[in-house]
C-alpha atoms as a PDB file:
ATOM      1  CA  MET A   1      11.027  -7.941   0.145  1.00  0.00           C
ATOM      2  CA  GLY A   2      13.491 -10.394  -1.365  1.00  0.00           C
ATOM      3  CA  ASN A   3      12.997 -14.438  -1.020  1.00  0.00           C
ATOM      4  CA  ASN A   4      16.341 -14.376   0.766  1.00  0.00           C
ATOM      5  CA  LEU A   5      15.286 -13.184   3.999  1.00  0.00           C
ATOM      6  CA  LYS A   6      11.920 -14.383   3.334  1.00  0.00           C
ATOM      7  CA  ALA A   7      12.250 -17.215   5.615  1.00  0.00           C
ATOM      8  CA  VAL A   8      13.546 -15.656   8.400  1.00  0.00           C
ATOM      9  CA  VAL A   9      10.689 -13.026   8.650  1.00  0.00           C
ATOM     10  CA  VAL A  10       7.868 -15.564   8.017  1.00  0.00           C
ATOM     11  CA  GLY A  11       9.194 -17.194  11.142  1.00  0.00           C
ATOM     12  CA  ALA A  12       9.567 -14.114  12.892  1.00  0.00           C
ATOM     13  CA  VAL A  13       5.985 -13.146  12.142  1.00  0.00           C
ATOM     14  CA  LEU A  14       4.486 -16.263  12.437  1.00  0.00           C
ATOM     15  CA  GLY A  15       4.889 -15.590  16.422  1.00  0.00           C
ATOM     16  CA  VAL A  16       2.515 -12.956  15.707  1.00  0.00           C
ATOM     17  CA  SER A  17       0.042 -13.115  13.141  1.00  0.00           C
ATOM     18  CA  GLY A  18       0.025 -17.158  12.432  1.00  0.00           C
ATOM     19  CA  ALA A  19      -1.655 -18.346   9.702  1.00  0.00           C
ATOM     20  CA  ALA A  20      -2.105 -14.867   8.139  1.00  0.00           C
ATOM     21  CA  PHE A  21       0.832 -15.297   5.854  1.00  0.00           C
ATOM     22  CA  ALA A  22      -1.290 -17.798   3.846  1.00  0.00           C
ATOM     23  CA  GLN A  23      -1.702 -15.298   1.191  1.00  0.00           C
ATOM     24  CA  ALA A  24      -5.517 -14.671  -0.300  1.00  0.00           C
ATOM     25  CA  THR A  25      -6.678 -17.777   1.658  1.00  0.00           C
ATOM     26  CA  PRO A  26     -10.588 -17.353   1.714  1.00  0.00           C
ATOM     27  CA  THR A  27     -10.990 -18.183   5.421  1.00  0.00           C
ATOM     28  CA  THR A  28      -8.998 -14.638   5.955  1.00  0.00           C
ATOM     29  CA  PRO A  29     -12.467 -12.544   6.356  1.00  0.00           C
ATOM     30  CA  ALA A  30     -13.086 -14.794   9.606  1.00  0.00           C
ATOM     31  CA  ALA A  31     -10.752 -12.898  11.597  1.00  0.00           C
ATOM     32  CA  PRO A  32     -12.359  -9.342  11.000  1.00  0.00           C
ATOM     33  CA  LYS A  33     -15.363 -10.946  11.427  1.00  0.00           C
ATOM     34  CA  ALA A  34     -14.377 -12.519  15.000  1.00  0.00           C
ATOM     35  CA  ALA A  35     -13.412  -8.502  16.073  1.00  0.00           C
ATOM     36  CA  ALA A  36     -16.720  -7.006  14.780  1.00  0.00           C
ATOM     37  CA  LYS A  37     -18.114  -6.577  18.152  1.00  0.00           C
ATOM     38  CA  ALA A  38     -14.792  -5.063  19.604  1.00  0.00           C
ATOM     39  CA  ALA A  39     -15.044  -2.898  16.989  1.00  0.00           C
ATOM     40  CA  ASP A  40     -18.347  -1.693  17.240  1.00  0.00           C
ATOM     41  CA  LYS A  41     -17.442  -0.701  20.690  1.00  0.00           C
ATOM     42  CA  ALA A  42     -14.699   1.652  19.188  1.00  0.00           C
ATOM     43  CA  PRO A  43     -15.427   5.580  19.607  1.00  0.00           C
ATOM     44  CA  GLY A  44     -17.138   6.655  16.205  1.00  0.00           C
ATOM     45  CA  ALA A  45     -18.261   2.925  15.454  1.00  0.00           C
ATOM     46  CA  GLY A  46     -21.127   3.025  12.948  1.00  0.00           C
ATOM     47  CA  LYS A  47     -20.122   6.433  11.563  1.00  0.00           C
ATOM     48  CA  PRO A  48     -19.026   7.107   7.707  1.00  0.00           C
ATOM     49  CA  ALA A  49     -15.696   7.111   7.705  1.00  0.00           C
ATOM     50  CA  ALA A  50     -15.402   9.696   4.984  1.00  0.00           C
ATOM     51  CA  THR A  51     -15.525  13.397   5.351  1.00  0.00           C
ATOM     52  CA  THR A  52     -17.476  15.453   2.891  1.00  0.00           C
ATOM     53  CA  GLY A  53     -15.519  17.173   0.620  1.00  0.00           C
ATOM     54  CA  LYS A  54     -12.134  15.596   1.758  1.00  0.00           C
ATOM     55  CA  THR A  55     -10.367  12.546   0.591  1.00  0.00           C
ATOM     56  CA  GLU A  56      -9.081  10.363   3.792  1.00  0.00           C
ATOM     57  CA  VAL A  57      -6.529   7.686   3.942  1.00  0.00           C
ATOM     58  CA  THR A  58      -5.689   5.166   6.490  1.00  0.00           C
ATOM     59  CA  TRP A  59      -2.588   3.503   6.911  1.00  0.00           C
ATOM     60  CA  TRP A  60      -2.966  -0.184   8.317  1.00  0.00           C
ATOM     61  CA  GLY A  61       1.087  -0.245   8.567  1.00  0.00           C
ATOM     62  CA  HIS A  62       3.614  -1.332   6.488  1.00  0.00           C
ATOM     63  CA  ALA A  63       2.630  -0.427   2.748  1.00  0.00           C
ATOM     64  CA  ALA A  64      -1.039  -1.257   3.155  1.00  0.00           C
ATOM     65  CA  PHE A  65      -3.391   1.685   2.929  1.00  0.00           C
ATOM     66  CA  VAL A  66      -7.178   2.672   2.308  1.00  0.00           C
ATOM     67  CA  VAL A  67      -7.885   5.735   0.729  1.00  0.00           C
ATOM     68  CA  LYS A  68     -11.647   7.394   0.588  1.00  0.00           C
ATOM     69  CA  THR A  69     -12.298  10.158  -2.038  1.00  0.00           C
ATOM     70  CA  PRO A  70     -15.025  12.477  -1.828  1.00  0.00           C
ATOM     71  CA  GLY A  71     -16.755  10.959  -4.841  1.00  0.00           C
ATOM     72  CA  GLY A  72     -17.306   7.918  -2.752  1.00  0.00           C
ATOM     73  CA  ALA A  73     -14.068   5.583  -3.944  1.00  0.00           C
ATOM     74  CA  THR A  74     -12.649   3.589  -1.636  1.00  0.00           C
ATOM     75  CA  ILE A  75      -9.048   2.480  -2.774  1.00  0.00           C
ATOM     76  CA  ALA A  76      -6.922  -0.099  -1.373  1.00  0.00           C
ATOM     77  CA  ILE A  77      -3.353  -0.187  -1.887  1.00  0.00           C
ATOM     78  CA  ASP A  78      -1.227  -3.445  -1.072  1.00  0.00           C
ATOM     79  CA  PRO A  79      -3.614  -4.610   1.203  1.00  0.00           C
ATOM     80  CA  TRP A  80      -1.615  -6.614   4.177  1.00  0.00           C
ATOM     81  CA  LEU A  81      -4.465  -6.167   6.197  1.00  0.00           C
ATOM     82  CA  THR A  82      -3.011  -8.977   9.396  1.00  0.00           C
ATOM     83  CA  ASN A  83       0.596  -7.454   9.165  1.00  0.00           C
ATOM     84  CA  PRO A  84       2.550  -6.587  12.909  1.00  0.00           C
ATOM     85  CA  LYS A  85       1.551  -3.438  12.680  1.00  0.00           C
ATOM     86  CA  ALA A  86      -2.243  -3.335  11.451  1.00  0.00           C
ATOM     87  CA  PRO A  87      -4.798  -1.752  13.856  1.00  0.00           C
ATOM     88  CA  GLN A  88      -6.250  -4.354  16.564  1.00  0.00           C
ATOM     89  CA  GLY A  89      -9.541  -5.535  16.319  1.00  0.00           C
ATOM     90  CA  ALA A  90     -10.337  -3.078  13.278  1.00  0.00           C
ATOM     91  CA  THR A  91     -12.956  -4.875  10.780  1.00  0.00           C
ATOM     92  CA  TRP A  92     -11.815  -4.880   6.943  1.00  0.00           C
ATOM     93  CA  PRO A  93     -13.691  -2.365   4.732  1.00  0.00           C
ATOM     94  CA  GLU A  94     -17.290  -3.334   3.665  1.00  0.00           C
ATOM     95  CA  ALA A  95     -16.915  -1.947   0.343  1.00  0.00           C
ATOM     96  CA  VAL A  96     -14.152  -1.529  -1.935  1.00  0.00           C
ATOM     97  CA  ASP A  97     -13.692  -0.513  -5.384  1.00  0.00           C
ATOM     98  CA  ALA A  98     -10.374  -1.148  -6.406  1.00  0.00           C
ATOM     99  CA  ILE A  99      -7.502  -2.906  -5.038  1.00  0.00           C
ATOM    100  CA  LEU A 100      -3.685  -1.945  -6.234  1.00  0.00           C
ATOM    101  CA  VAL A 101      -1.132  -4.309  -5.627  1.00  0.00           C
ATOM    102  CA  SER A 102       2.197  -3.058  -6.386  1.00  0.00           C
ATOM    103  CA  HIS A 103       4.113  -6.267  -7.000  1.00  0.00           C
ATOM    104  CA  GLY A 104       3.746 -10.050  -6.095  1.00  0.00           C
ATOM    105  CA  HIS A 105       5.990 -10.193  -2.320  1.00  0.00           C
ATOM    106  CA  PHE A 106       3.893 -11.484   0.292  1.00  0.00           C
ATOM    107  CA  ASP A 107       4.043  -8.367   2.548  1.00  0.00           C
ATOM    108  CA  HIS A 108       2.283  -6.461  -0.487  1.00  0.00           C
ATOM    109  CA  VAL A 109      -0.331  -8.878  -2.046  1.00  0.00           C
ATOM    110  CA  GLY A 110      -1.417  -9.685   1.579  1.00  0.00           C
ATOM    111  CA  GLU A 111      -5.214 -10.486   1.984  1.00  0.00           C
ATOM    112  CA  THR A 112      -5.913  -8.981  -1.922  1.00  0.00           C
ATOM    113  CA  LYS A 113      -7.829 -12.252  -2.982  1.00  0.00           C
ATOM    114  CA  ALA A 114      -9.634 -12.388   0.072  1.00  0.00           C
ATOM    115  CA  LEU A 115     -10.751  -8.724  -0.243  1.00  0.00           C
ATOM    116  CA  ALA A 116     -11.470  -8.767  -3.598  1.00  0.00           C
ATOM    117  CA  GLN A 117     -13.896 -11.839  -2.864  1.00  0.00           C
ATOM    118  CA  LYS A 118     -15.712  -9.644  -0.160  1.00  0.00           C
ATOM    119  CA  THR A 119     -16.254  -7.193  -1.855  1.00  0.00           C
ATOM    120  CA  ASN A 120     -16.212  -7.774  -5.728  1.00  0.00           C
ATOM    121  CA  ALA A 121     -13.431  -4.822  -6.332  1.00  0.00           C
ATOM    122  CA  LYS A 122     -11.492  -4.650  -9.248  1.00  0.00           C
ATOM    123  CA  VAL A 123      -7.685  -5.696  -8.666  1.00  0.00           C
ATOM    124  CA  TYR A 124      -5.310  -3.676 -10.664  1.00  0.00           C
ATOM    125  CA  GLY A 125      -1.013  -4.983 -10.873  1.00  0.00           C
ATOM    126  CA  SER A 126       0.989  -6.049 -13.461  1.00  0.00           C
ATOM    127  CA  PHE A 127      -0.437  -8.365 -15.883  1.00  0.00           C
ATOM    128  CA  GLU A 128       1.733 -11.333 -14.907  1.00  0.00           C
ATOM    129  CA  LEU A 129       0.514 -10.814 -11.309  1.00  0.00           C
ATOM    130  CA  VAL A 130      -3.072 -10.567 -11.934  1.00  0.00           C
ATOM    131  CA  SER A 131      -3.345 -13.535 -14.089  1.00  0.00           C
ATOM    132  CA  LEU A 132      -1.653 -15.808 -10.660  1.00  0.00           C
ATOM    133  CA  LEU A 133      -3.735 -14.259  -8.512  1.00  0.00           C
ATOM    134  CA  GLY A 134      -6.713 -16.864  -9.907  1.00  0.00           C
ATOM    135  CA  LEU A 135      -9.388 -14.071  -9.981  1.00  0.00           C
ATOM    136  CA  PRO A 136     -12.497 -14.091 -11.911  1.00  0.00           C
ATOM    137  CA  GLU A 137     -12.322 -12.258 -15.370  1.00  0.00           C
ATOM    138  CA  ALA A 138     -14.286  -9.298 -14.731  1.00  0.00           C
ATOM    139  CA  GLN A 139     -11.957  -8.651 -11.332  1.00  0.00           C
ATOM    140  CA  GLY A 140      -8.685  -8.868 -12.851  1.00  0.00           C
ATOM    141  CA  MET A 141      -7.372  -5.675 -14.306  1.00  0.00           C
ATOM    142  CA  GLY A 142      -3.927  -6.685 -14.980  1.00  0.00           C
ATOM    143  CA  ALA A 143      -1.865  -3.979 -16.905  1.00  0.00           C
ATOM    144  CA  ASN A 144       1.982  -2.483 -16.936  1.00  0.00           C
ATOM    145  CA  VAL A 145       3.353   0.793 -16.586  1.00  0.00           C
ATOM    146  CA  GLY A 146       1.173   3.565 -18.780  1.00  0.00           C
ATOM    147  CA  GLY A 147      -1.829   2.277 -17.995  1.00  0.00           C
ATOM    148  CA  THR A 148      -4.541   4.389 -16.686  1.00  0.00           C
ATOM    149  CA  PHE A 149      -8.017   3.671 -15.496  1.00  0.00           C
ATOM    150  CA  THR A 150     -11.004   5.755 -13.891  1.00  0.00           C
ATOM    151  CA  VAL A 151     -12.408   4.470 -10.565  1.00  0.00           C
ATOM    152  CA  LYS A 152     -15.527   7.010  -9.779  1.00  0.00           C
ATOM    153  CA  ASP A 153     -13.628  10.533  -9.274  1.00  0.00           C
ATOM    154  CA  ALA A 154     -10.013   8.736  -8.929  1.00  0.00           C
ATOM    155  CA  THR A 155      -8.068   8.681 -11.910  1.00  0.00           C
ATOM    156  CA  ILE A 156      -5.168   5.864 -11.454  1.00  0.00           C
ATOM    157  CA  HIS A 157      -1.808   5.762 -13.577  1.00  0.00           C
ATOM    158  CA  LEU A 158       0.525   3.024 -13.257  1.00  0.00           C
ATOM    159  CA  VAL A 159       4.085   3.916 -12.764  1.00  0.00           C
ATOM    160  CA  GLU A 160       7.579   2.605 -12.540  1.00  0.00           C
ATOM    161  CA  ALA A 161       9.055   0.981  -9.563  1.00  0.00           C
ATOM    162  CA  VAL A 162      12.728  -0.247  -8.901  1.00  0.00           C
ATOM    163  CA  HIS A 163      12.553  -3.307  -7.222  1.00  0.00           C
ATOM    164  CA  SER A 164      11.948  -7.510  -8.158  1.00  0.00           C
ATOM    165  CA  SER A 165       8.449  -9.127  -7.809  1.00  0.00           C
ATOM    166  CA  SER A 166       7.758 -12.830  -7.404  1.00  0.00           C
ATOM    167  CA  TYR A 167       4.580 -14.748  -6.466  1.00  0.00           C
ATOM    168  CA  GLN A 168       3.852 -17.909  -4.200  1.00  0.00           C
ATOM    169  CA  ALA A 169       0.158 -19.093  -3.940  1.00  0.00           C
ATOM    170  CA  ASP A 170       1.515 -21.721  -1.724  1.00  0.00           C
ATOM    171  CA  PRO A 171       4.656 -20.757   0.949  1.00  0.00           C
ATOM    172  CA  LYS A 172       6.060 -24.670  -0.102  1.00  0.00           C
ATOM    173  CA  ALA A 173       6.057 -24.110  -3.709  1.00  0.00           C
ATOM    174  CA  ALA A 174       8.734 -22.183  -5.920  1.00  0.00           C
ATOM    175  CA  SER A 175       8.287 -18.709  -6.435  1.00  0.00           C
ATOM    176  CA  GLN A 176       7.100 -17.463  -9.733  1.00  0.00           C
ATOM    177  CA  TYR A 177       7.502 -14.437 -12.088  1.00  0.00           C
ATOM    178  CA  ALA A 178       5.388 -12.103 -11.448  1.00  0.00           C
ATOM    179  CA  GLY A 179       5.935  -9.213 -13.961  1.00  0.00           C
ATOM    180  CA  ALA A 180       7.770  -5.657 -12.953  1.00  0.00           C
ATOM    181  CA  PRO A 181       7.044  -3.884  -9.707  1.00  0.00           C
ATOM    182  CA  LEU A 182       4.853  -0.598 -10.259  1.00  0.00           C
ATOM    183  CA  GLY A 183       3.833   2.426  -8.164  1.00  0.00           C
ATOM    184  CA  PHE A 184       0.446   4.247  -8.527  1.00  0.00           C
ATOM    185  CA  VAL A 185      -0.597   7.741  -9.435  1.00  0.00           C
ATOM    186  CA  ILE A 186      -4.344   8.623  -7.620  1.00  0.00           C
ATOM    187  CA  GLU A 187      -5.384  11.805  -9.300  1.00  0.00           C
ATOM    188  CA  ILE A 188      -8.681  12.272  -7.381  1.00  0.00           C
ATOM    189  CA  ALA A 189     -10.799  15.039  -8.802  1.00  0.00           C
ATOM    190  CA  ASN A 190     -11.363  18.237  -6.392  1.00  0.00           C
ATOM    191  CA  GLY A 191      -8.665  16.589  -4.258  1.00  0.00           C
ATOM    192  CA  PRO A 192      -5.094  16.030  -3.482  1.00  0.00           C
ATOM    193  CA  THR A 193      -2.594  13.460  -5.871  1.00  0.00           C
ATOM    194  CA  LEU A 194      -1.291  11.138  -4.423  1.00  0.00           C
ATOM    195  CA  TYR A 195       1.786   8.593  -5.326  1.00  0.00           C
ATOM    196  CA  HIS A 196       2.141   5.534  -3.752  1.00  0.00           C
ATOM    197  CA  ALA A 197       5.536   4.280  -5.033  1.00  0.00           C
ATOM    198  CA  GLY A 198       5.029   0.550  -4.063  1.00  0.00           C
ATOM    199  CA  ASP A 199       8.425  -1.197  -3.205  1.00  0.00           C
ATOM    200  CA  THR A 200      11.453   0.878  -4.284  1.00  0.00           C
ATOM    201  CA  GLY A 201      14.654   2.715  -4.124  1.00  0.00           C
ATOM    202  CA  ALA A 202      14.941   6.094  -5.597  1.00  0.00           C
ATOM    203  CA  PHE A 203      15.418   6.340  -9.366  1.00  0.00           C
ATOM    204  CA  SER A 204      15.608   9.459 -11.139  1.00  0.00           C
ATOM    205  CA  SER A 205      12.359   8.768 -13.520  1.00  0.00           C
ATOM    206  CA  MET A 206      10.584  10.066 -10.308  1.00  0.00           C
ATOM    207  CA  GLY A 207      11.591  13.539 -11.515  1.00  0.00           C
ATOM    208  CA  LEU A 208       9.614  12.609 -14.894  1.00  0.00           C
ATOM    209  CA  ILE A 209       6.555  11.355 -12.524  1.00  0.00           C
ATOM    210  CA  ALA A 210       6.623  14.382 -10.978  1.00  0.00           C
ATOM    211  CA  GLU A 211       6.433  16.477 -14.233  1.00  0.00           C
ATOM    212  CA  GLN A 212       3.493  14.896 -15.872  1.00  0.00           C
ATOM    213  CA  PHE A 213       1.449  13.777 -12.757  1.00  0.00           C
ATOM    214  CA  LYS A 214       2.538  16.853 -10.215  1.00  0.00           C
ATOM    215  CA  PRO A 215       1.788  14.367  -7.114  1.00  0.00           C
ATOM    216  CA  THR A 216       1.309  16.634  -3.745  1.00  0.00           C
ATOM    217  CA  VAL A 217       1.436  13.707  -1.457  1.00  0.00           C
ATOM    218  CA  ALA A 218       3.796  11.004  -1.963  1.00  0.00           C
ATOM    219  CA  MET A 219       3.794   7.652   0.072  1.00  0.00           C
ATOM    220  CA  LEU A 220       7.431   6.322   0.436  1.00  0.00           C
ATOM    221  CA  PRO A 221       9.121   3.238   1.973  1.00  0.00           C
ATOM    222  CA  ILE A 222      11.330   4.575   4.176  1.00  0.00           C
ATOM    223  CA  GLY A 223      12.544   1.348   6.139  1.00  0.00           C
ATOM    224  CA  GLY A 224      15.734   0.368   3.908  1.00  0.00           C
ATOM    225  CA  HIS A 225      17.280  -3.152   3.352  1.00  0.00           C
ATOM    226  CA  PHE A 226      14.704  -3.993   0.556  1.00  0.00           C
ATOM    227  CA  THR A 227      13.769  -0.282  -0.117  1.00  0.00           C
ATOM    228  CA  MET A 228      15.388   3.253   0.169  1.00  0.00           C
ATOM    229  CA  ASP A 229      16.435   4.333   3.389  1.00  0.00           C
ATOM    230  CA  PRO A 230      15.632   7.842   4.788  1.00  0.00           C
ATOM    231  CA  ALA A 231      18.547   9.557   3.280  1.00  0.00           C
ATOM    232  CA  GLN A 232      17.931   8.048  -0.238  1.00  0.00           C
ATOM    233  CA  ALA A 233      13.808   9.371   0.433  1.00  0.00           C
ATOM    234  CA  ALA A 234      14.574  12.653   0.953  1.00  0.00           C
ATOM    235  CA  VAL A 235      16.531  12.566  -2.664  1.00  0.00           C
ATOM    236  CA  ALA A 236      13.081  11.057  -3.802  1.00  0.00           C
ATOM    237  CA  VAL A 237      11.581  14.010  -2.173  1.00  0.00           C
ATOM    238  CA  LYS A 238      13.636  16.673  -3.999  1.00  0.00           C
ATOM    239  CA  LEU A 239      12.988  14.507  -7.740  1.00  0.00           C
ATOM    240  CA  LEU A 240       9.047  14.618  -6.786  1.00  0.00           C
ATOM    241  CA  LYS A 241       8.444  18.174  -5.327  1.00  0.00           C
ATOM    242  CA  VAL A 242       5.587  16.840  -3.125  1.00  0.00           C
ATOM    243  CA  LYS A 243       4.231  19.009  -0.332  1.00  0.00           C
ATOM    244  CA  SER A 244       3.446  16.007   2.000  1.00  0.00           C
ATOM    245  CA  VAL A 245       5.567  12.736   2.280  1.00  0.00           C
ATOM    246  CA  VAL A 246       3.665  10.097   4.205  1.00  0.00           C
ATOM    247  CA  PRO A 247       6.206   7.707   5.441  1.00  0.00           C
ATOM    248  CA  MET A 248       5.534   3.624   4.760  1.00  0.00           C
ATOM    249  CA  HIS A 249       7.266   0.554   4.456  1.00  0.00           C
ATOM    250  CA  TYR A 250       9.358   0.503   7.907  1.00  0.00           C
ATOM    251  CA  GLY A 251       9.325  -0.707  11.670  1.00  0.00           C
ATOM    252  CA  THR A 252       7.658  -3.950  10.351  1.00  0.00           C
ATOM    253  CA  PHE A 253      10.680  -5.749  10.742  1.00  0.00           C
ATOM    254  CA  PRO A 254      14.172  -5.131  12.616  1.00  0.00           C
ATOM    255  CA  ALA A 255      15.985  -5.057   9.318  1.00  0.00           C
ATOM    256  CA  LEU A 256      13.329  -1.942   7.994  1.00  0.00           C
ATOM    257  CA  ALA A 257      14.975   0.224  10.490  1.00  0.00           C
ATOM    258  CA  GLY A 258      14.290   3.550   8.816  1.00  0.00           C
ATOM    259  CA  THR A 259      12.180   6.056  10.923  1.00  0.00           C
ATOM    260  CA  PRO A 260      10.085   9.295  10.407  1.00  0.00           C
ATOM    261  CA  GLU A 261      11.798  11.110  12.436  1.00  0.00           C
ATOM    262  CA  ALA A 262      15.471  10.233  10.359  1.00  0.00           C
ATOM    263  CA  LEU A 263      13.635  11.151   7.270  1.00  0.00           C
ATOM    264  CA  THR A 264      12.750  14.467   8.842  1.00  0.00           C
ATOM    265  CA  ALA A 265      16.433  15.042   9.919  1.00  0.00           C
ATOM    266  CA  GLU A 266      17.126  14.247   6.039  1.00  0.00           C
ATOM    267  CA  LEU A 267      14.726  16.487   4.523  1.00  0.00           C
ATOM    268  CA  LYS A 268      15.915  19.306   6.927  1.00  0.00           C
ATOM    269  CA  LYS A 269      19.730  18.684   5.538  1.00  0.00           C
ATOM    270  CA  THR A 270      18.804  19.548   2.012  1.00  0.00           C
ATOM    271  CA  ARG A 271      16.628  22.746   3.380  1.00  0.00           C
ATOM    272  CA  SER A 272      13.191  21.030   1.838  1.00  0.00           C
ATOM    273  CA  THR A 273       9.855  22.329   2.969  1.00  0.00           C
ATOM    274  CA  THR A 274       8.234  19.030   2.400  1.00  0.00           C
ATOM    275  CA  LYS A 275       6.284  18.227   5.271  1.00  0.00           C
ATOM    276  CA  VAL A 276       6.205  14.193   7.168  1.00  0.00           C
ATOM    277  CA  VAL A 277       2.931  13.188   7.696  1.00  0.00           C
ATOM    278  CA  SER A 278       3.256  10.300  10.280  1.00  0.00           C
ATOM    279  CA  LEU A 279       0.227   8.022  10.181  1.00  0.00           C
ATOM    280  CA  GLU A 280      -1.381   6.206  13.155  1.00  0.00           C
ATOM    281  CA  PRO A 281      -2.208   2.645  11.556  1.00  0.00           C
ATOM    282  CA  GLY A 282      -5.786   2.787  11.819  1.00  0.00           C
ATOM    283  CA  LYS A 283      -6.563   6.196  11.841  1.00  0.00           C
ATOM    284  CA  ALA A 284      -8.188   7.818   8.918  1.00  0.00           C
ATOM    285  CA  THR A 285      -6.297  11.223   8.143  1.00  0.00           C
ATOM    286  CA  ALA A 286      -7.369  13.871   5.515  1.00  0.00           C
ATOM    287  CA  LEU A 287      -5.184  14.970   3.170  1.00  0.00           C
END
């Protein structure tokens, strides 16, 4: 998200989630703990979230996801877990193996540091951004495009994105350069290959991502303004040749006006057979 609108966005959302915008604050886990009793009464509470033999993806709203693999890996992506679309009353994951952060803007870093402290997960992102997060050396896995890492049965590839990236540990401080933005390809043994594009527009090298990694599911921003809109996302789908597309980064703020319905309409124009899979925040979905 660009700095030119950040003040407007923060002002709008502070009315919804108050102090939740303080990135990676040690006090952030208090909110999920306070909601634990309500979550315990929810249907399915206390049961394992993962389905045997399946990869499950839970959308937390905006660009935040939690992926659970058949081999037991739990991977959080861009964990802004207090965004306005986040599931109400949901507790944070108790165990996380890896946290992937696409770039330094507040709506993607989110609660990365607090979640890492809670779960001891390793954090993967650009070298510059990870260096700025102030993580213990054993948890900070700063890298760059071309980096590949293995987490249980998941192989994670860092790939290109077209965006900007800056980070503010303190909203009152100046932004700091946070390295190049990233996308992530997650190859899951005996499962799908997921592509989380991060914040980006469509770019021709998505064709190279398709050729090299052959993703089957793409998580693409569709909101517009700061990222591609539905029409551009349809171009990205054509380049990626995926079977399914999961829309993200839409509806969180008025400026992010793209919708899954608009994406479906754009795909029909191109006679694409790619399926649009609209996820409900907080509901685990097998892919």
